[in-house]
């Protein structure tokens, strides 16, 4: 049996690591939110973007990836470099429920509300401004938001706040 990783944003559509299996999954106790200022991947400190984090409360549907134990160290090192570059996420193990009803413990990255890059809950206009201006090492912030949204829709996951944001971005 492998080790699991829970993806809720770009990990859904660009995991960047090898996995044995993947399955839609539900995490309780945290929800997906554009609540992290991006200073590297999708923005800069002078012109931040906005990326997803798992914020306290609610639940989040995402994708769980099962990693072969023999590749875990390599996968963990990759994820640590990708997600923990500036310490905005708290790394933890959380129980998730796979679509087939099984419960597994998965590596999860939760937003740290004490970190300077934590944006909290922003209104639509503030989100639009940040996403439109964000451009970082991984490309434009709009690309990140629209790609994540498209993959959530593909999975049958609806997010009304994200619907409004993406609809506004498509008018640009």
Protein backbone atom coordinates (compact mmCIF):
# COMPACT_ATOMS: atom_id res chain seq x y z
CA UNK A 1 0.00 0.00 0.00
CA UNK A 2 1.25 3.44 -0.94
CA UNK A 3 1.31 6.82 0.72
CA UNK A 4 -1.27 9.42 -0.25
CA UNK A 5 -1.18 13.11 -1.22
CA UNK A 6 -4.30 15.31 -1.37
CA UNK A 7 -4.48 17.85 -4.18
CA UNK A 8 -7.02 20.67 -4.24
CA UNK A 9 -5.50 23.21 -6.69
CA UNK A 10 -2.80 22.84 -9.31
CA UNK A 11 -1.81 19.43 -7.93
CA UNK A 12 -5.07 18.16 -9.45
CA UNK A 13 -3.98 19.02 -12.99
CA UNK A 14 -0.19 19.14 -12.64
CA UNK A 15 0.93 16.83 -9.85
CA UNK A 16 4.54 16.68 -11.08
CA UNK A 17 5.25 13.29 -9.52
CA UNK A 18 4.64 9.64 -10.38
CA UNK A 19 1.71 7.93 -8.70
CA UNK A 20 0.18 4.46 -8.73
CA UNK A 21 -3.46 5.51 -8.43
CA UNK A 22 -5.56 8.61 -8.14
CA UNK A 23 -9.09 9.01 -6.87
CA UNK A 24 -11.50 11.86 -6.19
CA UNK A 25 -11.50 12.49 -2.44
CA UNK A 26 -13.15 14.56 0.27
CA UNK A 27 -11.27 16.36 3.04
CA UNK A 28 -13.35 17.60 5.97
CA UNK A 29 -12.34 20.51 8.20
CA UNK A 30 -10.86 22.75 5.48
CA UNK A 31 -12.10 24.36 2.27
CA UNK A 32 -10.44 25.51 -0.95
CA UNK A 33 -10.03 29.29 -1.02
CA UNK A 34 -8.00 31.80 -3.02
CA UNK A 35 -6.37 32.97 0.21
CA UNK A 36 -2.62 32.99 -0.41
CA UNK A 37 -0.67 35.89 -1.93
CA UNK A 38 1.73 34.41 -4.47
CA UNK A 39 5.19 36.01 -4.41
CA UNK A 40 6.91 33.37 -6.56
CA UNK A 41 4.92 31.00 -8.75
CA UNK A 42 2.09 33.33 -9.84
CA UNK A 43 3.28 36.76 -8.74
CA UNK A 44 6.06 38.72 -7.03
CA UNK A 45 6.32 40.55 -3.72
CA UNK A 46 5.89 43.86 -5.55
CA UNK A 47 3.01 42.56 -7.67
CA UNK A 48 1.47 39.55 -5.94
CA UNK A 49 -0.86 37.02 -7.46
CA UNK A 50 -3.38 34.90 -5.61
CA UNK A 51 -3.37 31.11 -5.24
CA UNK A 52 -5.45 28.49 -3.52
CA UNK A 53 -4.97 27.33 0.01
CA UNK A 54 -6.92 25.07 2.30
CA UNK A 55 -8.47 27.39 4.86
CA UNK A 56 -10.15 26.39 8.12
CA UNK A 57 -13.69 25.05 8.17
CA UNK A 58 -15.99 23.32 5.75
CA UNK A 59 -14.93 20.58 3.37
CA UNK A 60 -13.01 20.26 0.13
CA UNK A 61 -13.36 17.87 -2.76
CA UNK A 62 -10.11 17.23 -4.59
CA UNK A 63 -7.90 14.45 -5.88
CA UNK A 64 -5.91 11.96 -3.80
CA UNK A 65 -2.79 10.43 -5.32
CA UNK A 66 -1.30 7.15 -4.12
CA UNK A 67 2.49 7.09 -4.33
CA UNK A 68 4.54 3.90 -4.38
CA UNK A 69 6.48 3.75 -1.07
CA UNK A 70 9.76 3.20 -2.94
CA UNK A 71 9.30 6.64 -4.59
CA UNK A 72 7.98 8.42 -1.51
CA UNK A 73 11.24 10.12 -0.50
CA UNK A 74 11.68 11.57 -3.99
CA UNK A 75 8.01 12.63 -4.15
CA UNK A 76 8.10 14.17 -0.70
CA UNK A 77 11.26 16.13 -1.54
CA UNK A 78 9.61 17.41 -4.72
CA UNK A 79 6.42 18.43 -2.88
CA UNK A 80 8.38 20.05 -0.07
CA UNK A 81 10.33 22.17 -2.57
CA UNK A 82 7.14 23.07 -4.48
CA UNK A 83 4.78 23.76 -1.61
CA UNK A 84 7.04 24.81 1.25
CA UNK A 85 9.31 27.24 -0.57
CA UNK A 86 8.27 30.10 1.70
CA UNK A 87 6.44 28.33 4.52
CA UNK A 88 2.94 29.62 3.80
CA UNK A 89 1.46 26.14 4.18
CA UNK A 90 1.40 23.87 7.21
CA UNK A 91 2.20 20.33 6.23
CA UNK A 92 0.12 17.67 7.97
CA UNK A 93 -1.50 14.27 7.58
CA UNK A 94 -5.27 14.31 7.39
CA UNK A 95 -7.86 11.61 6.86
CA UNK A 96 -9.59 11.87 3.47
CA UNK A 97 -12.46 9.83 2.10
CA UNK A 98 -11.98 8.39 -1.37
CA UNK A 99 -14.95 8.15 -3.72
CA UNK A 100 -15.09 4.39 -3.17
CA UNK A 101 -15.68 4.98 0.56
CA UNK A 102 -12.20 4.08 1.79
CA UNK A 103 -10.50 6.36 4.31
CA UNK A 104 -6.79 7.08 3.89
CA UNK A 105 -4.34 9.39 5.61
CA UNK A 106 -2.97 11.86 3.09
CA UNK A 107 -0.29 14.52 3.09
CA UNK A 108 -2.11 17.86 3.04
CA UNK A 109 -0.92 21.47 2.82
CA UNK A 110 -3.07 23.82 4.92
CA UNK A 111 -2.90 27.62 4.73
CA UNK A 112 -1.08 29.17 7.70
CA UNK A 113 -3.17 32.17 8.79
CA UNK A 114 -0.18 33.62 10.69
CA UNK A 115 2.00 33.84 7.55
CA UNK A 116 2.49 37.23 5.85
CA UNK A 117 1.26 35.74 2.54
CA UNK A 118 -2.07 34.68 4.02
CA UNK A 119 -4.73 36.87 2.38
CA UNK A 120 -7.79 35.47 4.12
CA UNK A 121 -11.20 35.82 2.51
CA UNK A 122 -11.10 38.52 -0.17
CA UNK A 123 -14.01 40.00 -2.10
CA UNK A 124 -14.42 39.42 -5.83
CA UNK A 125 -12.91 42.78 -6.88
CA UNK A 126 -9.77 42.23 -4.80
CA UNK A 127 -9.42 38.69 -6.17
CA UNK A 128 -9.81 39.96 -9.74
CA UNK A 129 -7.15 42.65 -9.25
CA UNK A 130 -4.62 40.21 -7.83
CA UNK A 131 -5.29 37.43 -10.35
CA UNK A 132 -5.16 39.83 -13.31
CA UNK A 133 -1.86 41.38 -12.21
CA UNK A 134 -0.14 38.17 -11.06
CA UNK A 135 2.74 36.89 -13.19
CA UNK A 136 5.38 34.64 -11.64
CA UNK A 137 7.92 31.92 -12.34
CA UNK A 138 5.16 29.43 -13.25
CA UNK A 139 3.34 31.86 -15.56
CA UNK A 140 0.28 34.10 -15.42
CA UNK A 141 -2.04 33.88 -12.45
CA UNK A 142 -5.08 33.87 -14.75
CA UNK A 143 -3.83 30.62 -16.33
CA UNK A 144 -3.56 28.97 -12.90
CA UNK A 145 -7.07 30.01 -11.85
CA UNK A 146 -8.73 29.09 -15.16
CA UNK A 147 -6.92 25.71 -15.38
CA UNK A 148 -7.85 24.81 -11.83
CA UNK A 149 -11.44 25.85 -12.43
CA UNK A 150 -11.66 23.77 -15.65
CA UNK A 151 -10.40 20.68 -13.86
CA UNK A 152 -12.80 21.19 -10.96
CA UNK A 153 -15.69 21.44 -13.43
CA UNK A 154 -14.43 18.27 -15.15
CA UNK A 155 -14.57 16.52 -11.77
CA UNK A 156 -18.12 17.78 -11.16
CA UNK A 157 -17.03 20.17 -8.39
CA UNK A 158 -18.96 23.42 -8.26
CA UNK A 159 -17.68 26.56 -6.54
CA UNK A 160 -19.97 29.60 -6.98
CA UNK A 161 -17.32 32.13 -5.91
CA UNK A 162 -14.84 30.68 -8.39
CA UNK A 163 -17.57 30.64 -11.09
CA UNK A 164 -18.01 34.40 -10.69
CA UNK A 165 -14.25 35.04 -10.74
CA UNK A 166 -13.62 32.96 -13.86
CA UNK A 167 -16.61 34.47 -15.66
CA UNK A 168 -15.23 37.94 -14.96
CA UNK A 169 -11.75 36.89 -16.15
CA UNK A 170 -13.16 35.50 -19.39
CA UNK A 171 -14.59 38.96 -20.17
CA UNK A 172 -11.07 40.44 -20.20
